N, C-alpha and C. Protein backbone atom coordinates (compact mmCIF):
# COMPACT_ATOMS: atom_id res chain seq x y z
N UNK A 1 54.81 -3.35 -238.32
CA UNK A 1 54.31 -2.54 -237.26
C UNK A 1 53.29 -3.33 -236.46
N UNK A 2 53.68 -4.32 -235.72
CA UNK A 2 52.67 -5.08 -234.95
C UNK A 2 52.16 -4.24 -233.81
N UNK A 3 50.88 -4.31 -233.63
CA UNK A 3 50.24 -3.67 -232.48
C UNK A 3 50.26 -4.63 -231.29
N UNK A 4 49.99 -4.10 -230.09
CA UNK A 4 49.92 -5.04 -228.97
C UNK A 4 48.65 -5.89 -229.07
N UNK A 5 48.57 -6.94 -228.31
CA UNK A 5 47.46 -7.86 -228.45
C UNK A 5 46.03 -7.23 -228.36
N UNK A 6 45.95 -6.08 -227.70
CA UNK A 6 44.66 -5.43 -227.61
C UNK A 6 44.26 -4.68 -228.88
N UNK A 7 45.17 -4.61 -229.84
CA UNK A 7 44.92 -3.91 -231.06
C UNK A 7 45.24 -2.42 -231.01
N UNK A 8 45.83 -1.96 -229.92
CA UNK A 8 46.19 -0.57 -229.78
C UNK A 8 47.56 -0.31 -230.39
N UNK A 9 47.65 0.79 -231.10
CA UNK A 9 48.97 1.11 -231.69
C UNK A 9 49.81 1.83 -230.64
N UNK A 10 51.13 1.59 -230.68
CA UNK A 10 52.05 2.27 -229.78
C UNK A 10 52.43 3.62 -230.36
N UNK A 11 53.13 4.44 -229.60
CA UNK A 11 53.63 5.71 -230.13
C UNK A 11 54.63 5.46 -231.21
N UNK A 12 55.44 4.43 -231.05
CA UNK A 12 56.40 4.03 -232.08
C UNK A 12 55.67 3.72 -233.40
N UNK A 13 54.54 2.96 -233.30
CA UNK A 13 53.74 2.67 -234.43
C UNK A 13 53.26 3.94 -235.12
N UNK A 14 52.84 4.93 -234.35
CA UNK A 14 52.36 6.20 -234.90
C UNK A 14 53.46 6.87 -235.64
N UNK A 15 54.69 6.86 -235.12
CA UNK A 15 55.84 7.44 -235.79
C UNK A 15 56.09 6.69 -237.13
N UNK A 16 56.03 5.36 -237.08
CA UNK A 16 56.23 4.58 -238.28
C UNK A 16 55.23 4.90 -239.38
N UNK A 17 53.94 5.08 -238.96
CA UNK A 17 52.92 5.44 -239.89
C UNK A 17 53.18 6.82 -240.54
N UNK A 18 53.59 7.76 -239.70
CA UNK A 18 53.91 9.13 -240.16
C UNK A 18 55.06 9.09 -241.16
N UNK A 19 56.11 8.38 -240.84
CA UNK A 19 57.27 8.24 -241.72
C UNK A 19 56.91 7.59 -243.03
N UNK A 20 56.15 6.49 -242.97
CA UNK A 20 55.69 5.75 -244.17
C UNK A 20 54.86 6.70 -245.05
N UNK A 21 53.95 7.39 -244.46
CA UNK A 21 53.10 8.36 -245.18
C UNK A 21 53.94 9.41 -245.88
N UNK A 22 54.93 9.97 -245.15
CA UNK A 22 55.78 10.99 -245.74
C UNK A 22 56.65 10.42 -246.85
N UNK A 23 57.20 9.25 -246.66
CA UNK A 23 58.03 8.64 -247.68
C UNK A 23 57.18 8.38 -248.97
N UNK A 24 55.96 7.90 -248.83
CA UNK A 24 55.13 7.59 -249.98
C UNK A 24 54.51 8.83 -250.57
N UNK A 25 53.79 9.62 -249.76
CA UNK A 25 52.95 10.71 -250.26
C UNK A 25 53.78 11.96 -250.56
N UNK A 26 54.65 12.33 -249.66
CA UNK A 26 55.41 13.55 -249.82
C UNK A 26 56.65 13.40 -250.71
N UNK A 27 57.38 12.30 -250.49
CA UNK A 27 58.66 12.14 -251.15
C UNK A 27 58.57 11.21 -252.38
N UNK A 28 57.41 10.47 -252.54
CA UNK A 28 57.22 9.61 -253.65
C UNK A 28 58.13 8.40 -253.76
N UNK A 29 58.65 7.97 -252.61
CA UNK A 29 59.53 6.78 -252.60
C UNK A 29 58.69 5.58 -252.84
N UNK A 30 59.10 4.72 -253.81
CA UNK A 30 58.36 3.54 -254.20
C UNK A 30 58.37 2.53 -253.01
N UNK A 31 57.24 1.79 -252.95
CA UNK A 31 57.02 0.84 -251.85
C UNK A 31 58.08 -0.25 -251.86
N UNK A 32 58.51 -0.70 -253.04
CA UNK A 32 59.56 -1.79 -253.09
C UNK A 32 60.88 -1.28 -252.52
N UNK A 33 61.22 0.03 -252.71
CA UNK A 33 62.42 0.60 -252.08
C UNK A 33 62.30 0.64 -250.59
N UNK A 34 61.11 0.98 -250.10
CA UNK A 34 60.91 1.03 -248.64
C UNK A 34 61.03 -0.34 -248.06
N UNK A 35 60.44 -1.38 -248.72
CA UNK A 35 60.53 -2.73 -248.24
C UNK A 35 61.95 -3.23 -248.20
N UNK A 36 62.74 -2.91 -249.28
CA UNK A 36 64.14 -3.30 -249.33
C UNK A 36 64.91 -2.66 -248.23
N UNK A 37 64.66 -1.38 -247.98
CA UNK A 37 65.37 -0.65 -246.92
C UNK A 37 65.06 -1.22 -245.51
N UNK A 38 63.78 -1.54 -245.29
CA UNK A 38 63.40 -2.14 -244.01
C UNK A 38 64.10 -3.46 -243.81
N UNK A 39 64.08 -4.29 -244.86
CA UNK A 39 64.70 -5.61 -244.78
C UNK A 39 66.22 -5.47 -244.51
N UNK A 40 66.86 -4.57 -245.26
CA UNK A 40 68.31 -4.35 -245.07
C UNK A 40 68.66 -3.90 -243.66
N UNK A 41 67.88 -2.92 -243.17
CA UNK A 41 68.16 -2.35 -241.85
C UNK A 41 67.92 -3.39 -240.69
N UNK A 42 66.88 -4.20 -240.92
CA UNK A 42 66.60 -5.25 -239.91
C UNK A 42 67.65 -6.30 -239.90
N UNK A 43 68.04 -6.80 -241.09
CA UNK A 43 68.99 -7.88 -241.17
C UNK A 43 70.43 -7.47 -240.95
N UNK A 44 70.87 -6.50 -241.63
CA UNK A 44 72.29 -6.08 -241.61
C UNK A 44 72.63 -5.21 -240.37
N UNK A 45 71.73 -4.26 -240.07
CA UNK A 45 72.04 -3.33 -239.00
C UNK A 45 71.32 -3.64 -237.68
N UNK A 46 70.48 -4.68 -237.71
CA UNK A 46 69.72 -5.15 -236.54
C UNK A 46 68.85 -3.98 -235.94
N UNK A 47 68.26 -3.19 -236.79
CA UNK A 47 67.33 -2.16 -236.38
C UNK A 47 65.92 -2.75 -236.42
N UNK A 48 65.33 -2.90 -235.26
CA UNK A 48 64.01 -3.58 -235.18
C UNK A 48 62.87 -2.78 -235.83
N UNK A 49 62.92 -1.44 -235.71
CA UNK A 49 61.88 -0.58 -236.24
C UNK A 49 62.50 0.47 -237.17
N UNK A 50 62.88 0.11 -238.39
CA UNK A 50 63.59 1.02 -239.26
C UNK A 50 62.84 2.32 -239.60
N UNK A 51 61.52 2.24 -239.72
CA UNK A 51 60.78 3.45 -240.02
C UNK A 51 60.67 4.39 -238.84
N UNK A 52 60.98 3.94 -237.64
CA UNK A 52 60.98 4.78 -236.44
C UNK A 52 62.40 4.94 -235.94
N UNK A 53 63.36 4.95 -236.86
CA UNK A 53 64.75 5.09 -236.48
C UNK A 53 65.26 6.37 -236.94
N UNK A 54 66.02 7.06 -236.08
CA UNK A 54 66.63 8.40 -236.39
C UNK A 54 67.68 8.21 -237.49
N UNK A 55 68.04 6.98 -237.81
CA UNK A 55 69.10 6.74 -238.76
C UNK A 55 68.59 6.66 -240.21
N UNK A 56 67.30 6.68 -240.44
CA UNK A 56 66.74 6.62 -241.79
C UNK A 56 66.69 7.96 -242.42
N UNK A 57 67.20 8.08 -243.62
CA UNK A 57 67.27 9.35 -244.39
C UNK A 57 66.76 9.12 -245.79
N UNK A 58 66.37 10.18 -246.51
CA UNK A 58 65.96 10.08 -247.89
C UNK A 58 66.31 11.35 -248.65
N UNK A 59 66.39 11.20 -249.94
CA UNK A 59 66.55 12.33 -250.83
C UNK A 59 65.28 12.56 -251.65
N UNK A 60 64.27 11.82 -251.34
CA UNK A 60 62.99 11.87 -252.08
C UNK A 60 62.91 10.78 -253.16
N UNK A 61 64.03 10.07 -253.38
CA UNK A 61 63.99 9.01 -254.39
C UNK A 61 64.43 7.71 -253.79
N UNK A 62 65.55 7.77 -253.10
CA UNK A 62 66.14 6.61 -252.48
C UNK A 62 66.17 6.77 -250.93
N UNK A 63 66.32 5.63 -250.27
CA UNK A 63 66.43 5.66 -248.80
C UNK A 63 67.90 5.38 -248.42
N UNK A 64 68.30 6.04 -247.37
CA UNK A 64 69.66 5.91 -246.87
C UNK A 64 69.61 5.68 -245.41
N UNK A 65 70.73 5.18 -244.84
CA UNK A 65 70.83 4.93 -243.43
C UNK A 65 72.13 5.51 -242.88
N UNK A 66 72.03 6.17 -241.75
CA UNK A 66 73.25 6.73 -241.11
C UNK A 66 73.80 5.65 -240.21
N UNK A 67 74.92 5.11 -240.61
CA UNK A 67 75.50 4.00 -239.83
C UNK A 67 76.98 4.37 -239.53
N UNK A 68 77.26 4.57 -238.25
CA UNK A 68 78.58 4.97 -237.80
C UNK A 68 79.06 6.25 -238.53
N UNK A 69 78.09 7.20 -238.67
CA UNK A 69 78.34 8.46 -239.32
C UNK A 69 78.76 8.32 -240.77
N UNK A 70 78.49 7.19 -241.40
CA UNK A 70 78.68 6.96 -242.85
C UNK A 70 77.28 6.76 -243.42
N UNK A 71 76.98 7.36 -244.55
CA UNK A 71 75.64 7.22 -245.14
C UNK A 71 75.74 6.13 -246.20
N UNK A 72 74.81 5.11 -245.98
CA UNK A 72 74.76 3.96 -246.95
C UNK A 72 73.40 3.95 -247.60
N UNK A 73 73.34 3.50 -248.85
CA UNK A 73 72.04 3.26 -249.50
C UNK A 73 71.37 2.17 -248.72
N UNK A 74 70.11 2.37 -248.36
CA UNK A 74 69.43 1.42 -247.45
C UNK A 74 68.95 0.09 -248.12
N UNK A 75 68.87 0.06 -249.42
CA UNK A 75 68.43 -1.17 -249.99
C UNK A 75 69.55 -2.20 -250.24
N UNK A 76 70.79 -1.65 -250.34
CA UNK A 76 71.91 -2.62 -250.59
C UNK A 76 73.15 -2.32 -249.79
N UNK A 77 73.19 -1.28 -249.00
CA UNK A 77 74.35 -0.99 -248.19
C UNK A 77 75.45 -0.23 -248.90
N UNK A 78 75.22 0.22 -250.14
CA UNK A 78 76.25 0.94 -250.88
C UNK A 78 76.50 2.29 -250.24
N UNK A 79 77.76 2.64 -250.07
CA UNK A 79 78.14 3.93 -249.44
C UNK A 79 77.82 5.06 -250.41
N UNK A 80 77.25 6.18 -249.88
CA UNK A 80 76.95 7.32 -250.73
C UNK A 80 77.29 8.57 -249.92
N UNK A 81 77.28 9.75 -250.60
CA UNK A 81 77.45 11.01 -249.89
C UNK A 81 76.25 11.34 -249.12
N UNK A 82 76.43 12.10 -248.02
CA UNK A 82 75.32 12.43 -247.15
C UNK A 82 74.28 13.29 -247.95
N UNK A 83 73.03 12.88 -247.81
CA UNK A 83 71.91 13.60 -248.49
C UNK A 83 71.19 14.45 -247.50
N UNK A 84 70.19 15.19 -247.99
CA UNK A 84 69.39 16.03 -247.15
C UNK A 84 68.57 15.15 -246.19
N UNK A 85 68.63 15.44 -244.95
CA UNK A 85 67.81 14.70 -243.94
C UNK A 85 66.36 14.97 -244.21
N UNK A 86 65.61 13.91 -244.22
CA UNK A 86 64.19 14.01 -244.64
C UNK A 86 63.44 14.85 -243.64
N UNK A 87 62.51 15.69 -244.17
CA UNK A 87 61.74 16.63 -243.34
C UNK A 87 60.98 15.93 -242.20
N UNK A 88 60.40 14.78 -242.46
CA UNK A 88 59.58 14.18 -241.43
C UNK A 88 60.41 13.68 -240.24
N UNK A 89 61.67 13.30 -240.44
CA UNK A 89 62.48 12.86 -239.35
C UNK A 89 62.98 14.05 -238.51
N UNK A 90 63.04 15.22 -239.15
CA UNK A 90 63.42 16.38 -238.35
C UNK A 90 62.26 16.80 -237.44
N UNK A 91 61.09 16.25 -237.67
CA UNK A 91 59.92 16.62 -236.88
C UNK A 91 59.65 15.58 -235.78
N UNK A 92 60.61 14.70 -235.56
CA UNK A 92 60.50 13.71 -234.50
C UNK A 92 61.65 14.01 -233.53
N UNK A 93 61.30 14.08 -232.22
CA UNK A 93 62.32 14.24 -231.18
C UNK A 93 62.70 12.86 -230.68
N UNK A 94 63.97 12.61 -230.52
CA UNK A 94 64.48 11.32 -230.11
C UNK A 94 65.23 11.37 -228.79
N UNK A 95 65.14 10.30 -228.07
CA UNK A 95 66.03 10.06 -226.94
C UNK A 95 66.76 8.81 -227.27
N UNK A 96 68.01 8.95 -227.71
CA UNK A 96 68.74 7.80 -228.29
C UNK A 96 68.06 7.44 -229.61
N UNK A 97 67.65 6.21 -229.76
CA UNK A 97 66.99 5.77 -230.93
C UNK A 97 65.51 5.60 -230.73
N UNK A 98 65.00 6.18 -229.65
CA UNK A 98 63.60 6.05 -229.25
C UNK A 98 62.86 7.33 -229.58
N UNK A 99 61.78 7.26 -230.39
CA UNK A 99 60.99 8.51 -230.68
C UNK A 99 60.19 8.85 -229.44
N UNK A 100 60.22 10.14 -229.04
CA UNK A 100 59.49 10.56 -227.87
C UNK A 100 58.46 11.63 -228.11
N UNK A 101 58.60 12.40 -229.18
CA UNK A 101 57.62 13.42 -229.56
C UNK A 101 57.57 13.55 -231.07
N UNK A 102 56.36 13.82 -231.57
CA UNK A 102 56.16 14.01 -232.99
C UNK A 102 55.52 15.33 -233.29
N UNK A 103 56.08 16.11 -234.14
CA UNK A 103 55.51 17.40 -234.56
C UNK A 103 55.03 17.24 -235.97
N UNK A 104 53.73 16.88 -236.14
CA UNK A 104 53.21 16.62 -237.49
C UNK A 104 53.12 17.83 -238.36
N UNK A 105 53.14 17.64 -239.64
CA UNK A 105 52.90 18.71 -240.57
C UNK A 105 51.39 19.01 -240.57
N UNK A 106 50.99 20.29 -240.79
CA UNK A 106 49.56 20.57 -240.84
C UNK A 106 48.93 19.93 -242.09
N UNK A 107 47.64 19.82 -242.04
CA UNK A 107 46.90 19.26 -243.18
C UNK A 107 46.93 20.18 -244.38
N UNK A 108 47.05 21.47 -244.08
CA UNK A 108 47.16 22.47 -245.14
C UNK A 108 48.49 23.20 -245.03
N UNK A 109 49.28 23.20 -246.07
CA UNK A 109 50.53 23.91 -246.03
C UNK A 109 51.63 23.07 -245.46
N UNK A 110 52.88 23.64 -245.48
CA UNK A 110 54.08 22.93 -245.02
C UNK A 110 54.84 23.82 -244.01
N UNK A 111 54.20 24.27 -242.98
CA UNK A 111 54.86 25.19 -242.01
C UNK A 111 56.11 24.51 -241.44
N UNK A 112 57.14 25.33 -241.25
CA UNK A 112 58.36 24.84 -240.65
C UNK A 112 58.26 24.94 -239.13
N UNK A 113 57.41 25.81 -238.63
CA UNK A 113 57.28 25.92 -237.17
C UNK A 113 56.58 24.71 -236.59
N UNK A 114 57.00 24.36 -235.42
CA UNK A 114 56.42 23.19 -234.72
C UNK A 114 55.36 23.66 -233.76
N UNK A 115 54.16 23.87 -234.29
CA UNK A 115 53.07 24.44 -233.47
C UNK A 115 52.24 23.41 -232.73
N UNK A 116 52.25 22.13 -233.29
CA UNK A 116 51.46 21.07 -232.69
C UNK A 116 52.39 19.92 -232.38
N UNK A 117 52.10 19.26 -231.28
CA UNK A 117 52.96 18.11 -230.86
C UNK A 117 52.07 16.97 -230.45
N UNK A 118 52.55 15.75 -230.70
CA UNK A 118 51.99 14.52 -230.16
C UNK A 118 53.06 13.95 -229.19
N UNK A 119 52.72 13.91 -227.97
CA UNK A 119 53.63 13.46 -226.92
C UNK A 119 52.84 12.50 -226.04
N UNK A 120 53.28 11.21 -225.99
CA UNK A 120 52.48 10.27 -225.21
C UNK A 120 52.39 10.60 -223.74
N UNK A 121 53.21 11.54 -223.24
CA UNK A 121 53.16 11.93 -221.86
C UNK A 121 52.24 13.17 -221.60
N UNK A 122 51.72 13.74 -222.68
CA UNK A 122 50.79 14.87 -222.57
C UNK A 122 49.49 14.52 -223.23
N UNK A 123 48.42 14.53 -222.47
CA UNK A 123 47.08 14.22 -222.95
C UNK A 123 47.01 12.94 -223.75
N UNK A 124 47.77 11.92 -223.26
CA UNK A 124 47.75 10.59 -223.84
C UNK A 124 48.10 10.59 -225.35
N UNK A 125 48.91 11.53 -225.76
CA UNK A 125 49.33 11.59 -227.16
C UNK A 125 48.44 12.31 -228.12
N UNK A 126 47.36 12.91 -227.58
CA UNK A 126 46.46 13.66 -228.45
C UNK A 126 47.24 14.87 -228.98
N UNK A 127 46.93 15.34 -230.19
CA UNK A 127 47.62 16.55 -230.70
C UNK A 127 47.25 17.77 -229.80
N UNK A 128 48.28 18.42 -229.34
CA UNK A 128 48.15 19.60 -228.50
C UNK A 128 48.99 20.74 -229.08
N UNK A 129 48.64 21.97 -228.67
CA UNK A 129 49.45 23.11 -229.01
C UNK A 129 50.81 22.97 -228.34
N UNK A 130 51.89 23.03 -229.10
CA UNK A 130 53.23 22.81 -228.55
C UNK A 130 53.46 23.71 -227.36
N UNK A 131 54.09 23.09 -226.34
CA UNK A 131 54.42 23.81 -225.09
C UNK A 131 53.27 23.94 -224.14
N UNK A 132 52.10 23.32 -224.51
CA UNK A 132 50.89 23.43 -223.66
C UNK A 132 50.27 21.99 -223.60
N UNK A 133 49.17 21.93 -222.92
CA UNK A 133 48.34 20.71 -222.95
C UNK A 133 46.97 21.03 -223.57
N UNK A 134 46.90 22.09 -224.40
CA UNK A 134 45.67 22.52 -225.06
C UNK A 134 45.41 21.62 -226.27
N UNK A 135 44.33 20.81 -226.22
CA UNK A 135 44.07 19.94 -227.36
C UNK A 135 43.63 20.70 -228.64
N UNK A 136 44.21 20.34 -229.76
CA UNK A 136 43.86 20.94 -231.01
C UNK A 136 42.39 20.78 -231.33
N UNK A 137 41.83 19.64 -230.96
CA UNK A 137 40.39 19.38 -231.20
C UNK A 137 39.53 20.43 -230.48
N UNK A 138 39.92 20.80 -229.27
CA UNK A 138 39.13 21.82 -228.50
C UNK A 138 39.16 23.14 -229.23
N UNK A 139 40.33 23.53 -229.73
CA UNK A 139 40.46 24.80 -230.48
C UNK A 139 39.57 24.71 -231.73
N UNK A 140 39.64 23.62 -232.43
CA UNK A 140 38.85 23.47 -233.67
C UNK A 140 37.35 23.49 -233.36
N UNK A 141 36.94 22.83 -232.30
CA UNK A 141 35.47 22.84 -231.97
C UNK A 141 34.97 24.23 -231.61
N UNK A 142 35.79 25.00 -230.91
CA UNK A 142 35.42 26.35 -230.58
C UNK A 142 35.30 27.20 -231.81
N UNK A 143 36.28 27.07 -232.74
CA UNK A 143 36.24 27.84 -233.98
C UNK A 143 35.03 27.41 -234.85
N UNK A 144 34.73 26.09 -234.86
CA UNK A 144 33.59 25.61 -235.66
C UNK A 144 32.31 26.12 -235.06
N UNK A 145 32.26 26.35 -233.75
CA UNK A 145 31.05 26.88 -233.10
C UNK A 145 30.87 28.41 -233.32
N UNK A 146 31.85 29.02 -234.01
CA UNK A 146 31.70 30.41 -234.38
C UNK A 146 32.55 31.37 -233.58
N UNK A 147 33.30 30.89 -232.62
CA UNK A 147 34.15 31.79 -231.83
C UNK A 147 35.27 32.35 -232.67
N UNK A 148 35.67 33.56 -232.44
CA UNK A 148 36.73 34.21 -233.20
C UNK A 148 38.06 33.68 -232.72
N UNK A 149 39.00 33.74 -233.64
CA UNK A 149 40.40 33.30 -233.32
C UNK A 149 40.93 34.18 -232.20
N UNK A 150 40.66 35.44 -232.21
CA UNK A 150 41.23 36.34 -231.20
C UNK A 150 40.60 35.99 -229.84
N UNK A 151 39.34 35.61 -229.78
CA UNK A 151 38.68 35.22 -228.50
C UNK A 151 39.31 33.94 -227.98
N UNK A 152 39.52 32.95 -228.86
CA UNK A 152 40.13 31.70 -228.45
C UNK A 152 41.51 31.94 -227.93
N UNK A 153 42.30 32.74 -228.68
CA UNK A 153 43.68 33.06 -228.31
C UNK A 153 43.72 33.70 -226.93
N UNK A 154 42.80 34.64 -226.69
CA UNK A 154 42.74 35.38 -225.38
C UNK A 154 42.42 34.40 -224.26
N UNK A 155 41.42 33.53 -224.48
CA UNK A 155 41.03 32.58 -223.43
C UNK A 155 42.15 31.61 -223.03
N UNK A 156 42.94 31.21 -224.02
CA UNK A 156 44.03 30.26 -223.73
C UNK A 156 45.36 30.96 -223.41
N UNK A 157 45.38 32.28 -223.56
CA UNK A 157 46.64 33.02 -223.31
C UNK A 157 47.69 32.72 -224.34
N UNK A 158 47.25 32.52 -225.61
CA UNK A 158 48.17 32.20 -226.69
C UNK A 158 48.05 33.31 -227.72
N UNK A 159 49.00 33.31 -228.69
CA UNK A 159 48.93 34.31 -229.75
C UNK A 159 47.97 33.90 -230.86
N UNK A 160 47.50 34.93 -231.58
CA UNK A 160 46.54 34.63 -232.71
C UNK A 160 47.23 33.74 -233.72
N UNK A 161 48.53 33.97 -234.11
CA UNK A 161 49.19 33.07 -235.10
C UNK A 161 49.27 31.65 -234.59
N UNK A 162 49.45 31.43 -233.31
CA UNK A 162 49.44 30.05 -232.77
C UNK A 162 48.09 29.38 -232.98
N UNK A 163 47.02 30.13 -232.68
CA UNK A 163 45.68 29.56 -232.86
C UNK A 163 45.39 29.27 -234.31
N UNK A 164 45.70 30.21 -235.18
CA UNK A 164 45.47 30.03 -236.62
C UNK A 164 46.24 28.81 -237.11
N UNK A 165 47.47 28.75 -236.67
CA UNK A 165 48.32 27.64 -237.02
C UNK A 165 47.73 26.31 -236.58
N UNK A 166 47.26 26.26 -235.34
CA UNK A 166 46.63 25.04 -234.82
C UNK A 166 45.44 24.62 -235.66
N UNK A 167 44.68 25.58 -236.14
CA UNK A 167 43.52 25.29 -236.96
C UNK A 167 43.91 24.71 -238.33
N UNK A 168 45.15 24.94 -238.78
CA UNK A 168 45.57 24.38 -240.04
C UNK A 168 45.86 22.86 -239.92
N UNK A 169 45.85 22.32 -238.68
CA UNK A 169 46.06 20.90 -238.51
C UNK A 169 44.73 20.13 -238.53
N UNK A 170 43.62 20.86 -238.62
CA UNK A 170 42.31 20.20 -238.62
C UNK A 170 41.76 20.20 -240.03
N UNK A 171 40.73 19.39 -240.24
CA UNK A 171 40.13 19.34 -241.59
C UNK A 171 39.30 20.51 -241.84
C-alpha cells in the first residue's frame, strides 16, 4: 500500500486498510494466507491492488478470488466452490475494479444498514451520514455537548434512528 510521496494515503489505500482489518480482526484470516493471496493475485492475475479488488472473497478461513466467474483459492489458484462473499467487500461500492465509496461498520455492533459513507467526492472523504454531506464528527460533537438526539435529528432533517446509528460510528 504505497502512499504518494507526500505521505498522504489514497482512497484505495483506505479501502485496503479496511479490508486488511476485516480479514484479520473480523474473519481471523492468518497474515501468511493474506500475503500468499496478494502475491498470487499480483503475479498470476496481474491485480495491482488485491486488497482493494472486488474479486477478493473469503469464508473467514481462506481467501478466494473471482476470476472469469470461477472461484479459485487465492494462495495457490486451486478451483473451489463459490463461498460467501465477505461482508467488508459488500460495503464497498465499485465502478469496474475501482473502489469509489466505503460504508464502514460501526465501532459498536454490526449493523447491516449503510448509515455512514466515506466518499472522496463528499467532504474530502470524511465519514458522513449516507445520502448527505453531514459529517459524523459534527453529530458526535453536538451529542457530546449534551444536545439530545431528537434535537440533532430535527436540526438536520434526519430521523432519530439515523442519528443514533451515526453515533455508533464514534468512540
